[in-house]
């Protein structure tokens, strides 16, 4: 279990970093959007490339931020029933939901999006609009985003199982630093055993 917790911790850190990058993309997207509006109104100049960059960035924010959002338990839920259950029952539902619904959907999306990205890369497909951009970079965000989401689903399942075994605090609560500390504590015996001859 320690090895799995170490993997979950690595995935958490990866999605945390990418999530922070996605936050900066929001600012960049807003600046490009404002600049484009000012240039269009003040100088009567417009570029399809600037418009497409905006939706490329929006796609990056949404897709690259999915794993980060799941890590922080900030995705949309309907808690009419779940909120009334115990933490253990909630963890069991999260495990079942992650493995039976979210993981298969993410895997299927990744599987079917990859050939499209490959074909667009080989063909060098551009936007049909004048001054439009290459299409494969924005399409490549789909397998990247869903790949990160798959990793985070697995990390969340590992953390819920560790919680049910009493190894870490409830990962559904906002205790990231405590959970990371508990994971590190559980890894210490494993590391010490590995140092012995």
N, C-alpha and C. Protein backbone atom coordinates (compact mmCIF):
# COMPACT_ATOMS: atom_id res chain seq x y z
N UNK A 1 0.83 -1.20 0.00
CA UNK A 1 0.00 0.00 0.00
C UNK A 1 0.87 1.26 0.00
N UNK A 2 2.04 1.16 0.63
CA UNK A 2 2.92 2.32 0.69
C UNK A 2 3.35 2.78 -0.71
N UNK A 3 3.63 1.83 -1.57
CA UNK A 3 4.04 2.16 -2.93
C UNK A 3 2.89 2.87 -3.67
N UNK A 4 1.68 2.39 -3.48
CA UNK A 4 0.52 3.02 -4.10
C UNK A 4 0.28 4.42 -3.55
N UNK A 5 0.49 4.60 -2.24
CA UNK A 5 0.35 5.93 -1.66
C UNK A 5 1.42 6.88 -2.19
N UNK A 6 2.61 6.35 -2.42
CA UNK A 6 3.67 7.17 -2.99
C UNK A 6 3.29 7.61 -4.40
N UNK A 7 2.72 6.68 -5.18
CA UNK A 7 2.24 7.01 -6.52
C UNK A 7 1.14 8.06 -6.47
N UNK A 8 0.19 7.90 -5.55
CA UNK A 8 -0.90 8.87 -5.40
C UNK A 8 -0.35 10.24 -5.04
N UNK A 9 0.64 10.28 -4.18
CA UNK A 9 1.26 11.54 -3.78
C UNK A 9 1.94 12.21 -4.98
N UNK A 10 2.62 11.42 -5.81
CA UNK A 10 3.27 11.95 -7.01
C UNK A 10 2.24 12.53 -7.98
N UNK A 11 1.13 11.81 -8.18
CA UNK A 11 0.06 12.28 -9.07
C UNK A 11 -0.54 13.57 -8.52
N UNK A 12 -0.76 13.63 -7.21
CA UNK A 12 -1.29 14.85 -6.59
C UNK A 12 -0.38 16.04 -6.87
N UNK A 13 0.90 15.84 -6.70
CA UNK A 13 1.85 16.94 -6.94
C UNK A 13 1.87 17.35 -8.41
N UNK A 14 1.82 16.38 -9.30
CA UNK A 14 1.80 16.68 -10.73
C UNK A 14 0.58 17.52 -11.09
N UNK A 15 -0.61 17.07 -10.67
CA UNK A 15 -1.83 17.79 -11.00
C UNK A 15 -1.90 19.14 -10.28
N UNK A 16 -1.28 19.23 -9.12
CA UNK A 16 -1.23 20.51 -8.41
C UNK A 16 -0.44 21.53 -9.23
N UNK A 17 0.71 21.11 -9.73
CA UNK A 17 1.53 22.02 -10.55
C UNK A 17 0.83 22.41 -11.84
N UNK A 18 0.22 21.44 -12.50
CA UNK A 18 -0.47 21.73 -13.75
C UNK A 18 -1.70 22.60 -13.49
N UNK A 19 -2.37 22.37 -12.36
CA UNK A 19 -3.51 23.21 -11.99
C UNK A 19 -3.11 24.66 -11.77
N UNK A 20 -1.94 24.87 -11.16
CA UNK A 20 -1.45 26.25 -10.97
C UNK A 20 -1.10 26.88 -12.32
N UNK A 21 -0.57 26.09 -13.23
CA UNK A 21 -0.30 26.59 -14.58
C UNK A 21 -1.62 27.00 -15.26
N UNK A 22 -2.65 26.19 -15.10
CA UNK A 22 -3.95 26.51 -15.70
C UNK A 22 -4.51 27.80 -15.13
N UNK A 23 -4.24 28.09 -13.86
CA UNK A 23 -4.70 29.35 -13.27
C UNK A 23 -4.07 30.54 -13.98
N UNK A 24 -2.79 30.42 -14.30
CA UNK A 24 -2.11 31.51 -15.01
C UNK A 24 -2.65 31.65 -16.43
N UNK A 25 -3.08 30.55 -17.01
CA UNK A 25 -3.66 30.63 -18.35
C UNK A 25 -4.95 31.45 -18.37
N UNK A 26 -5.67 31.47 -17.24
CA UNK A 26 -6.87 32.31 -17.15
C UNK A 26 -6.49 33.78 -17.33
N UNK A 27 -5.43 34.19 -16.65
CA UNK A 27 -4.97 35.58 -16.78
C UNK A 27 -4.52 35.88 -18.21
N UNK A 28 -3.75 34.98 -18.78
CA UNK A 28 -3.27 35.18 -20.15
C UNK A 28 -4.45 35.27 -21.12
N UNK A 29 -5.43 34.41 -20.94
CA UNK A 29 -6.62 34.41 -21.80
C UNK A 29 -7.37 35.74 -21.66
N UNK A 30 -7.51 36.24 -20.43
CA UNK A 30 -8.20 37.51 -20.21
C UNK A 30 -7.43 38.67 -20.85
N UNK A 31 -6.11 38.66 -20.75
CA UNK A 31 -5.30 39.72 -21.35
C UNK A 31 -5.40 39.71 -22.87
N UNK A 32 -5.34 38.53 -23.45
CA UNK A 32 -5.47 38.43 -24.92
C UNK A 32 -6.85 38.89 -25.36
N UNK A 33 -7.86 38.48 -24.63
CA UNK A 33 -9.23 38.87 -24.97
C UNK A 33 -9.40 40.39 -24.89
N UNK A 34 -8.89 41.00 -23.82
CA UNK A 34 -9.00 42.45 -23.67
C UNK A 34 -8.20 43.18 -24.74
N UNK A 35 -6.98 42.70 -25.01
CA UNK A 35 -6.15 43.32 -26.04
C UNK A 35 -6.81 43.24 -27.41
N UNK A 36 -7.37 42.08 -27.71
CA UNK A 36 -8.05 41.88 -28.99
C UNK A 36 -9.23 42.84 -29.12
N UNK A 37 -9.99 43.02 -28.05
CA UNK A 37 -11.14 43.93 -28.10
C UNK A 37 -10.69 45.37 -28.28
N UNK A 38 -9.64 45.77 -27.58
CA UNK A 38 -9.15 47.15 -27.70
C UNK A 38 -8.63 47.42 -29.10
N UNK A 39 -7.83 46.50 -29.64
CA UNK A 39 -7.27 46.69 -30.99
C UNK A 39 -8.38 46.71 -32.03
N UNK A 40 -9.38 45.86 -31.86
CA UNK A 40 -10.48 45.81 -32.81
C UNK A 40 -11.29 47.11 -32.78
N UNK A 41 -11.57 47.63 -31.59
CA UNK A 41 -12.38 48.86 -31.48
C UNK A 41 -11.57 50.11 -31.82
N UNK A 42 -10.32 50.17 -31.36
CA UNK A 42 -9.52 51.38 -31.56
C UNK A 42 -8.96 51.50 -32.97
N UNK A 43 -8.53 50.38 -33.54
CA UNK A 43 -7.83 50.44 -34.83
C UNK A 43 -8.57 49.70 -35.95
N UNK A 44 -9.71 49.14 -35.63
CA UNK A 44 -10.51 48.38 -36.60
C UNK A 44 -9.68 47.27 -37.25
N UNK A 45 -8.87 46.60 -36.41
CA UNK A 45 -8.03 45.48 -36.86
C UNK A 45 -8.46 44.24 -36.08
N UNK A 46 -8.61 43.15 -36.77
CA UNK A 46 -8.99 41.91 -36.11
C UNK A 46 -8.18 40.76 -36.68
N UNK A 47 -7.97 39.76 -35.86
CA UNK A 47 -7.22 38.58 -36.30
C UNK A 47 -7.90 37.32 -35.81
N UNK A 48 -8.13 36.40 -36.73
CA UNK A 48 -8.70 35.11 -36.34
C UNK A 48 -7.76 34.35 -35.41
N UNK A 49 -6.46 34.55 -35.58
CA UNK A 49 -5.49 33.85 -34.73
C UNK A 49 -5.69 34.22 -33.27
N UNK A 50 -5.92 35.52 -32.99
CA UNK A 50 -6.14 35.93 -31.60
C UNK A 50 -7.42 35.34 -31.04
N UNK A 51 -8.46 35.27 -31.87
CA UNK A 51 -9.71 34.66 -31.41
C UNK A 51 -9.52 33.18 -31.13
N UNK A 52 -8.77 32.49 -32.00
CA UNK A 52 -8.56 31.07 -31.80
C UNK A 52 -7.65 30.79 -30.61
N UNK A 53 -6.67 31.66 -30.38
CA UNK A 53 -5.80 31.48 -29.21
C UNK A 53 -6.65 31.53 -27.94
N UNK A 54 -7.66 32.40 -27.91
CA UNK A 54 -8.53 32.49 -26.74
C UNK A 54 -9.22 31.17 -26.46
N UNK A 55 -9.80 30.55 -27.49
CA UNK A 55 -10.49 29.29 -27.20
C UNK A 55 -9.51 28.14 -27.02
N UNK A 56 -8.31 28.23 -27.58
CA UNK A 56 -7.28 27.24 -27.28
C UNK A 56 -6.94 27.30 -25.79
N UNK A 57 -6.76 28.52 -25.28
CA UNK A 57 -6.42 28.69 -23.87
C UNK A 57 -7.57 28.25 -22.97
N UNK A 58 -8.79 28.57 -23.37
CA UNK A 58 -9.95 28.13 -22.58
C UNK A 58 -9.99 26.60 -22.53
N UNK A 59 -9.72 25.97 -23.65
CA UNK A 59 -9.68 24.50 -23.69
C UNK A 59 -8.59 23.97 -22.77
N UNK A 60 -7.43 24.61 -22.77
CA UNK A 60 -6.33 24.18 -21.91
C UNK A 60 -6.71 24.34 -20.44
N UNK A 61 -7.36 25.45 -20.10
CA UNK A 61 -7.77 25.67 -18.70
C UNK A 61 -8.72 24.57 -18.26
N UNK A 62 -9.71 24.29 -19.08
CA UNK A 62 -10.72 23.30 -18.73
C UNK A 62 -10.14 21.88 -18.67
N UNK A 63 -9.41 21.50 -19.70
CA UNK A 63 -8.92 20.12 -19.79
C UNK A 63 -7.76 19.85 -18.84
N UNK A 64 -6.81 20.76 -18.75
CA UNK A 64 -5.67 20.54 -17.87
C UNK A 64 -6.04 20.73 -16.40
N UNK A 65 -7.12 21.44 -16.14
CA UNK A 65 -7.55 21.66 -14.76
C UNK A 65 -8.47 20.59 -14.22
N UNK A 66 -8.87 19.62 -15.03
CA UNK A 66 -9.82 18.60 -14.57
C UNK A 66 -9.24 17.74 -13.45
N UNK A 67 -8.00 17.28 -13.60
CA UNK A 67 -7.38 16.48 -12.54
C UNK A 67 -7.18 17.28 -11.26
N UNK A 68 -6.78 18.53 -11.40
CA UNK A 68 -6.60 19.44 -10.26
C UNK A 68 -7.93 19.62 -9.51
N UNK A 69 -9.00 19.81 -10.27
CA UNK A 69 -10.32 19.99 -9.68
C UNK A 69 -10.76 18.74 -8.92
N UNK A 70 -10.51 17.57 -9.50
CA UNK A 70 -10.85 16.32 -8.82
C UNK A 70 -10.01 16.15 -7.55
N UNK A 71 -8.75 16.48 -7.62
CA UNK A 71 -7.86 16.38 -6.45
C UNK A 71 -8.39 17.19 -5.28
N UNK A 72 -8.91 18.38 -5.57
CA UNK A 72 -9.41 19.26 -4.53
C UNK A 72 -10.89 19.04 -4.22
N UNK A 73 -11.47 18.01 -4.81
CA UNK A 73 -12.87 17.65 -4.57
C UNK A 73 -13.78 18.84 -4.85
N UNK A 74 -13.50 19.57 -5.92
CA UNK A 74 -14.24 20.77 -6.27
C UNK A 74 -15.13 20.58 -7.50
N UNK A 75 -15.26 19.35 -7.97
CA UNK A 75 -16.11 19.11 -9.12
C UNK A 75 -17.58 19.18 -8.70
N UNK A 76 -18.44 19.31 -9.68
CA UNK A 76 -19.87 19.46 -9.39
C UNK A 76 -20.44 18.12 -8.94
N UNK A 77 -21.17 18.17 -7.84
CA UNK A 77 -21.82 16.97 -7.32
C UNK A 77 -23.23 17.34 -6.87
N UNK A 78 -24.06 16.36 -6.81
CA UNK A 78 -25.39 16.54 -6.23
C UNK A 78 -25.38 15.77 -4.91
N UNK A 79 -25.30 16.50 -3.82
CA UNK A 79 -25.09 15.88 -2.51
C UNK A 79 -26.38 15.70 -1.72
N UNK A 80 -27.50 15.46 -2.38
CA UNK A 80 -28.75 15.26 -1.65
C UNK A 80 -28.66 14.05 -0.72
N UNK A 81 -28.04 13.00 -1.20
CA UNK A 81 -27.92 11.78 -0.40
C UNK A 81 -26.52 11.64 0.17
N UNK A 82 -25.52 11.87 -0.66
CA UNK A 82 -24.13 11.65 -0.26
C UNK A 82 -23.74 12.45 0.96
N UNK A 83 -24.20 13.69 1.06
CA UNK A 83 -23.84 14.55 2.19
C UNK A 83 -24.36 14.04 3.51
N UNK A 84 -25.37 13.20 3.50
CA UNK A 84 -25.96 12.66 4.74
C UNK A 84 -25.31 11.36 5.19
N UNK A 85 -24.43 10.82 4.34
CA UNK A 85 -23.78 9.55 4.67
C UNK A 85 -22.51 9.77 5.49
N UNK A 86 -22.06 8.71 6.13
CA UNK A 86 -20.80 8.78 6.88
C UNK A 86 -19.62 8.92 5.92
N UNK A 87 -18.49 9.33 6.47
CA UNK A 87 -17.28 9.51 5.65
C UNK A 87 -16.86 8.20 5.01
N UNK A 88 -17.03 7.09 5.71
CA UNK A 88 -16.66 5.78 5.16
C UNK A 88 -17.55 5.41 3.97
N UNK A 89 -18.85 5.64 4.10
CA UNK A 89 -19.77 5.34 2.99
C UNK A 89 -19.51 6.27 1.81
N UNK A 90 -19.19 7.52 2.10
CA UNK A 90 -18.85 8.45 1.02
C UNK A 90 -17.60 7.97 0.28
N UNK A 91 -16.61 7.48 1.03
CA UNK A 91 -15.38 6.97 0.40
C UNK A 91 -15.69 5.76 -0.48
N UNK A 92 -16.56 4.88 -0.02
CA UNK A 92 -16.93 3.71 -0.82
C UNK A 92 -17.64 4.14 -2.11
N UNK A 93 -18.54 5.11 -2.01
CA UNK A 93 -19.23 5.62 -3.19
C UNK A 93 -18.24 6.28 -4.15
N UNK A 94 -17.27 7.03 -3.60
CA UNK A 94 -16.24 7.66 -4.45
C UNK A 94 -15.41 6.61 -5.18
N UNK A 95 -15.09 5.52 -4.51
CA UNK A 95 -14.31 4.44 -5.14
C UNK A 95 -15.12 3.80 -6.27
N UNK A 96 -16.38 3.47 -5.99
CA UNK A 96 -17.23 2.84 -7.00
C UNK A 96 -17.46 3.80 -8.17
N UNK A 97 -17.78 5.06 -7.86
CA UNK A 97 -18.01 6.05 -8.92
C UNK A 97 -16.77 6.29 -9.76
N UNK A 98 -15.61 6.35 -9.11
CA UNK A 98 -14.37 6.56 -9.84
C UNK A 98 -14.02 5.40 -10.75
N UNK A 99 -14.15 4.19 -10.23
CA UNK A 99 -13.75 3.01 -11.01
C UNK A 99 -14.79 2.59 -12.05
N UNK A 100 -16.07 2.77 -11.73
CA UNK A 100 -17.11 2.28 -12.63
C UNK A 100 -17.63 3.31 -13.63
N UNK A 101 -17.46 4.58 -13.31
CA UNK A 101 -18.02 5.61 -14.19
C UNK A 101 -16.96 6.58 -14.73
N UNK A 102 -16.26 7.27 -13.84
CA UNK A 102 -15.33 8.30 -14.29
C UNK A 102 -14.13 7.71 -15.03
N UNK A 103 -13.53 6.67 -14.49
CA UNK A 103 -12.36 6.06 -15.14
C UNK A 103 -12.69 5.49 -16.52
N UNK A 104 -13.74 4.70 -16.68
CA UNK A 104 -14.05 4.20 -18.04
C UNK A 104 -14.34 5.33 -19.03
N UNK A 105 -15.06 6.37 -18.60
CA UNK A 105 -15.35 7.49 -19.50
C UNK A 105 -14.06 8.17 -19.94
N UNK A 106 -13.15 8.39 -19.00
CA UNK A 106 -11.89 9.06 -19.31
C UNK A 106 -11.02 8.19 -20.23
N UNK A 107 -10.99 6.89 -19.98
CA UNK A 107 -10.19 5.97 -20.81
C UNK A 107 -10.74 5.93 -22.24
N UNK A 108 -12.05 5.85 -22.38
CA UNK A 108 -12.66 5.81 -23.71
C UNK A 108 -12.39 7.12 -24.46
N UNK A 109 -12.51 8.24 -23.78
CA UNK A 109 -12.23 9.53 -24.42
C UNK A 109 -10.78 9.61 -24.86
N UNK A 110 -9.87 9.19 -24.01
CA UNK A 110 -8.45 9.18 -24.36
C UNK A 110 -8.20 8.27 -25.56
N UNK A 111 -8.78 7.09 -25.54
CA UNK A 111 -8.59 6.11 -26.60
C UNK A 111 -9.05 6.65 -27.96
N UNK A 112 -10.23 7.28 -28.00
CA UNK A 112 -10.77 7.74 -29.27
C UNK A 112 -10.21 9.10 -29.71
N UNK A 113 -9.66 9.87 -28.79
CA UNK A 113 -9.12 11.18 -29.18
C UNK A 113 -7.70 11.07 -29.74
N UNK A 114 -6.95 10.09 -29.30
CA UNK A 114 -5.55 9.99 -29.73
C UNK A 114 -5.39 9.83 -31.25
N UNK A 115 -6.15 8.96 -31.92
CA UNK A 115 -6.00 8.85 -33.38
C UNK A 115 -6.34 10.15 -34.11
N UNK A 116 -7.28 10.92 -33.59
CA UNK A 116 -7.64 12.20 -34.22
C UNK A 116 -6.46 13.16 -34.13
N UNK A 117 -5.83 13.22 -32.96
CA UNK A 117 -4.68 14.09 -32.78
C UNK A 117 -3.54 13.67 -33.70
N UNK A 118 -3.30 12.38 -33.78
CA UNK A 118 -2.24 11.87 -34.64
C UNK A 118 -2.48 12.23 -36.10
N UNK A 119 -3.72 12.04 -36.56
CA UNK A 119 -4.07 12.36 -37.94
C UNK A 119 -3.91 13.85 -38.22
N UNK A 120 -4.35 14.69 -37.28
CA UNK A 120 -4.22 16.14 -37.47
C UNK A 120 -2.75 16.57 -37.49
N UNK A 121 -1.94 15.92 -36.67
CA UNK A 121 -0.51 16.25 -36.64
C UNK A 121 0.16 15.88 -37.97
N UNK A 122 -0.17 14.69 -38.48
CA UNK A 122 0.42 14.22 -39.74
C UNK A 122 -0.02 15.10 -40.91
N UNK A 123 -1.30 15.45 -40.92
CA UNK A 123 -1.82 16.24 -42.05
C UNK A 123 -1.50 17.73 -41.91
N UNK A 124 -1.14 18.17 -40.71
CA UNK A 124 -0.87 19.60 -40.51
C UNK A 124 -2.12 20.45 -40.67
N UNK A 125 -3.26 19.92 -40.25
CA UNK A 125 -4.54 20.61 -40.44
C UNK A 125 -4.54 21.98 -39.76
N UNK A 126 -5.00 22.97 -40.51
CA UNK A 126 -5.16 24.33 -40.01
C UNK A 126 -6.64 24.67 -39.90
N UNK A 127 -6.91 25.72 -39.19
CA UNK A 127 -8.27 26.26 -39.15
C UNK A 127 -8.64 26.74 -40.54
N UNK A 128 -9.89 26.57 -40.96
CA UNK A 128 -10.29 27.04 -42.29
C UNK A 128 -10.40 28.57 -42.38
N UNK A 129 -10.40 29.24 -41.23
CA UNK A 129 -10.50 30.71 -41.23
C UNK A 129 -9.18 31.34 -41.65
N UNK A 130 -9.26 32.49 -42.28
CA UNK A 130 -8.04 33.21 -42.70
C UNK A 130 -7.20 33.56 -41.47
N UNK A 131 -5.92 33.22 -41.54
CA UNK A 131 -5.03 33.49 -40.41
C UNK A 131 -5.21 32.53 -39.25
N UNK A 132 -5.92 31.45 -39.50
CA UNK A 132 -6.19 30.48 -38.44
C UNK A 132 -4.96 29.69 -38.06
N UNK A 133 -5.03 29.03 -36.92
CA UNK A 133 -3.90 28.31 -36.35
C UNK A 133 -3.97 26.81 -36.67
N UNK A 134 -2.86 26.13 -36.39
CA UNK A 134 -2.84 24.67 -36.46
C UNK A 134 -3.87 24.11 -35.49
N UNK A 135 -4.50 23.02 -35.87
CA UNK A 135 -5.53 22.43 -35.01
C UNK A 135 -5.01 21.37 -34.05
N UNK A 136 -3.91 20.69 -34.39
CA UNK A 136 -3.50 19.56 -33.56
C UNK A 136 -3.12 19.98 -32.13
N UNK A 137 -2.54 21.16 -31.89
CA UNK A 137 -2.20 21.47 -30.49
C UNK A 137 -3.42 21.52 -29.57
N UNK A 138 -4.52 22.09 -30.05
CA UNK A 138 -5.70 22.16 -29.20
C UNK A 138 -6.34 20.78 -29.04
N UNK A 139 -6.30 19.98 -30.09
CA UNK A 139 -6.83 18.62 -29.98
C UNK A 139 -5.95 17.75 -29.09
N UNK A 140 -4.65 18.03 -29.04
CA UNK A 140 -3.75 17.28 -28.18
C UNK A 140 -4.06 17.50 -26.70
N UNK A 141 -4.73 18.60 -26.39
CA UNK A 141 -5.12 18.86 -25.00
C UNK A 141 -6.12 17.82 -24.49
N UNK A 142 -6.90 17.23 -25.40
CA UNK A 142 -7.91 16.25 -24.98
C UNK A 142 -7.24 15.02 -24.38
N UNK A 143 -6.34 14.31 -25.09
CA UNK A 143 -5.71 13.15 -24.44
C UNK A 143 -4.83 13.55 -23.25
N UNK A 144 -4.21 14.73 -23.32
CA UNK A 144 -3.41 15.16 -22.17
C UNK A 144 -4.29 15.37 -20.94
N UNK A 145 -5.38 16.10 -21.12
CA UNK A 145 -6.28 16.38 -20.00
C UNK A 145 -6.91 15.12 -19.43
N UNK A 146 -7.36 14.24 -20.32
CA UNK A 146 -7.99 13.01 -19.83
C UNK A 146 -6.96 12.05 -19.27
N UNK A 147 -5.72 12.09 -19.77
CA UNK A 147 -4.65 11.29 -19.16
C UNK A 147 -4.38 11.73 -17.73
N UNK A 148 -4.32 13.04 -17.51
CA UNK A 148 -4.13 13.57 -16.16
C UNK A 148 -5.32 13.23 -15.26
N UNK A 149 -6.52 13.27 -15.84
CA UNK A 149 -7.72 12.91 -15.07
C UNK A 149 -7.69 11.43 -14.68
N UNK A 150 -7.27 10.56 -15.60
CA UNK A 150 -7.16 9.13 -15.28
C UNK A 150 -6.20 8.92 -14.12
N UNK A 151 -5.05 9.56 -14.17
CA UNK A 151 -4.08 9.44 -13.08
C UNK A 151 -4.68 9.91 -11.76
N UNK A 152 -5.43 11.02 -11.80
CA UNK A 152 -6.01 11.54 -10.56
C UNK A 152 -7.12 10.65 -10.03
N UNK A 153 -7.91 10.05 -10.93
CA UNK A 153 -8.94 9.10 -10.48
C UNK A 153 -8.28 7.95 -9.73
N UNK A 154 -7.20 7.41 -10.30
CA UNK A 154 -6.49 6.31 -9.63
C UNK A 154 -5.93 6.76 -8.29
N UNK A 155 -5.38 7.97 -8.24
CA UNK A 155 -4.84 8.50 -6.98
C UNK A 155 -5.94 8.65 -5.94
N UNK A 156 -7.10 9.13 -6.37
CA UNK A 156 -8.22 9.31 -5.43
C UNK A 156 -8.72 7.97 -4.91
N UNK A 157 -8.78 6.98 -5.78
CA UNK A 157 -9.21 5.64 -5.35
C UNK A 157 -8.21 5.08 -4.34
N UNK A 158 -6.92 5.24 -4.61
CA UNK A 158 -5.88 4.76 -3.68
C UNK A 158 -6.04 5.46 -2.33
N UNK A 159 -6.24 6.77 -2.34
CA UNK A 159 -6.38 7.51 -1.08
C UNK A 159 -7.63 7.10 -0.32
N UNK A 160 -8.74 6.84 -1.05
CA UNK A 160 -9.98 6.41 -0.37
C UNK A 160 -9.78 5.03 0.27
N UNK A 161 -9.09 4.14 -0.43
CA UNK A 161 -8.83 2.81 0.14
C UNK A 161 -7.93 2.94 1.36
N UNK A 162 -6.91 3.79 1.28
CA UNK A 162 -6.02 4.01 2.44
C UNK A 162 -6.79 4.61 3.61
N UNK A 163 -7.74 5.49 3.32
CA UNK A 163 -8.58 6.06 4.38
C UNK A 163 -9.42 4.97 5.02
N UNK A 164 -10.02 4.09 4.21
CA UNK A 164 -10.83 3.01 4.75
C UNK A 164 -10.01 2.06 5.62
N UNK A 165 -8.72 1.92 5.29
CA UNK A 165 -7.82 1.08 6.09
C UNK A 165 -7.27 1.80 7.31
N UNK A 166 -7.58 3.10 7.43
CA UNK A 166 -7.11 3.88 8.58
C UNK A 166 -5.68 4.38 8.45
N UNK A 167 -5.14 4.41 7.26
CA UNK A 167 -3.75 4.84 7.06
C UNK A 167 -3.59 6.34 6.92
N UNK A 168 -4.61 7.02 6.39
CA UNK A 168 -4.55 8.47 6.20
C UNK A 168 -5.88 9.09 6.62
N UNK A 169 -5.90 10.41 6.86
CA UNK A 169 -7.18 11.07 7.14
C UNK A 169 -8.08 11.06 5.91
N UNK A 170 -9.32 11.46 6.11
CA UNK A 170 -10.29 11.48 5.02
C UNK A 170 -9.82 12.42 3.91
N UNK A 171 -9.53 11.90 2.70
CA UNK A 171 -9.04 12.74 1.62
C UNK A 171 -10.11 13.65 1.03
N UNK A 172 -11.38 13.42 1.34
CA UNK A 172 -12.45 14.27 0.82
C UNK A 172 -12.51 15.60 1.55
N UNK A 173 -11.90 15.67 2.73
CA UNK A 173 -11.87 16.92 3.49
C UNK A 173 -10.66 17.72 3.06
N UNK A 174 -10.69 19.01 3.32
CA UNK A 174 -9.61 19.91 2.89
C UNK A 174 -8.44 19.82 3.87
N UNK A 175 -7.66 18.76 3.72
CA UNK A 175 -6.53 18.52 4.61
C UNK A 175 -5.31 18.08 3.82
N UNK A 176 -5.04 18.71 2.71
CA UNK A 176 -3.98 18.23 1.83
C UNK A 176 -2.65 18.04 2.54
N UNK A 177 -2.26 19.02 3.36
CA UNK A 177 -0.96 18.93 4.02
C UNK A 177 -0.94 17.77 5.01
N UNK A 178 -2.05 17.53 5.72
CA UNK A 178 -2.11 16.40 6.66
C UNK A 178 -2.05 15.08 5.91
N UNK A 179 -2.73 14.99 4.78
CA UNK A 179 -2.73 13.74 4.01
C UNK A 179 -1.34 13.47 3.46
N UNK A 180 -0.69 14.51 2.91
CA UNK A 180 0.67 14.32 2.40
C UNK A 180 1.61 13.89 3.52
N UNK A 181 1.43 14.48 4.71
CA UNK A 181 2.26 14.09 5.86
C UNK A 181 2.01 12.64 6.26
N UNK A 182 0.73 12.23 6.24
CA UNK A 182 0.40 10.85 6.60
C UNK A 182 0.96 9.88 5.56
N UNK A 183 0.91 10.27 4.30
CA UNK A 183 1.47 9.41 3.25
C UNK A 183 2.97 9.27 3.46
N UNK A 184 3.64 10.39 3.74
CA UNK A 184 5.09 10.33 3.98
C UNK A 184 5.41 9.47 5.19
N UNK A 185 4.60 9.56 6.26
CA UNK A 185 4.83 8.72 7.45
C UNK A 185 4.68 7.25 7.11
N UNK A 186 3.68 6.92 6.30
CA UNK A 186 3.47 5.52 5.92
C UNK A 186 4.57 5.02 5.01
N UNK A 187 5.25 5.93 4.31
CA UNK A 187 6.34 5.52 3.43
C UNK A 187 7.65 5.32 4.19
N UNK A 188 7.81 5.98 5.34
CA UNK A 188 9.06 5.88 6.10
C UNK A 188 9.45 4.45 6.44
N UNK A 189 8.54 3.60 6.97
CA UNK A 189 8.94 2.22 7.25
C UNK A 189 9.41 1.48 6.00
N UNK A 190 8.75 1.74 4.87
CA UNK A 190 9.12 1.09 3.62
C UNK A 190 10.52 1.52 3.20
N UNK A 191 10.80 2.82 3.34
CA UNK A 191 12.12 3.32 2.96
C UNK A 191 13.20 2.75 3.88
N UNK A 192 12.90 2.63 5.17
CA UNK A 192 13.88 2.09 6.12
C UNK A 192 14.14 0.63 5.82
N UNK A 193 13.10 -0.11 5.47
CA UNK A 193 13.30 -1.53 5.12
C UNK A 193 14.18 -1.67 3.87
N UNK A 194 14.00 -0.73 2.94
CA UNK A 194 14.79 -0.78 1.71
C UNK A 194 16.26 -0.48 1.96
N UNK A 195 16.58 0.25 3.05
CA UNK A 195 17.97 0.58 3.36
C UNK A 195 18.71 -0.57 4.01
N UNK A 196 17.95 -1.51 4.61
CA UNK A 196 18.60 -2.63 5.28
C UNK A 196 19.12 -3.64 4.28
N UNK A 197 20.25 -4.30 4.60
CA UNK A 197 20.79 -5.31 3.67
C UNK A 197 19.95 -6.55 3.63
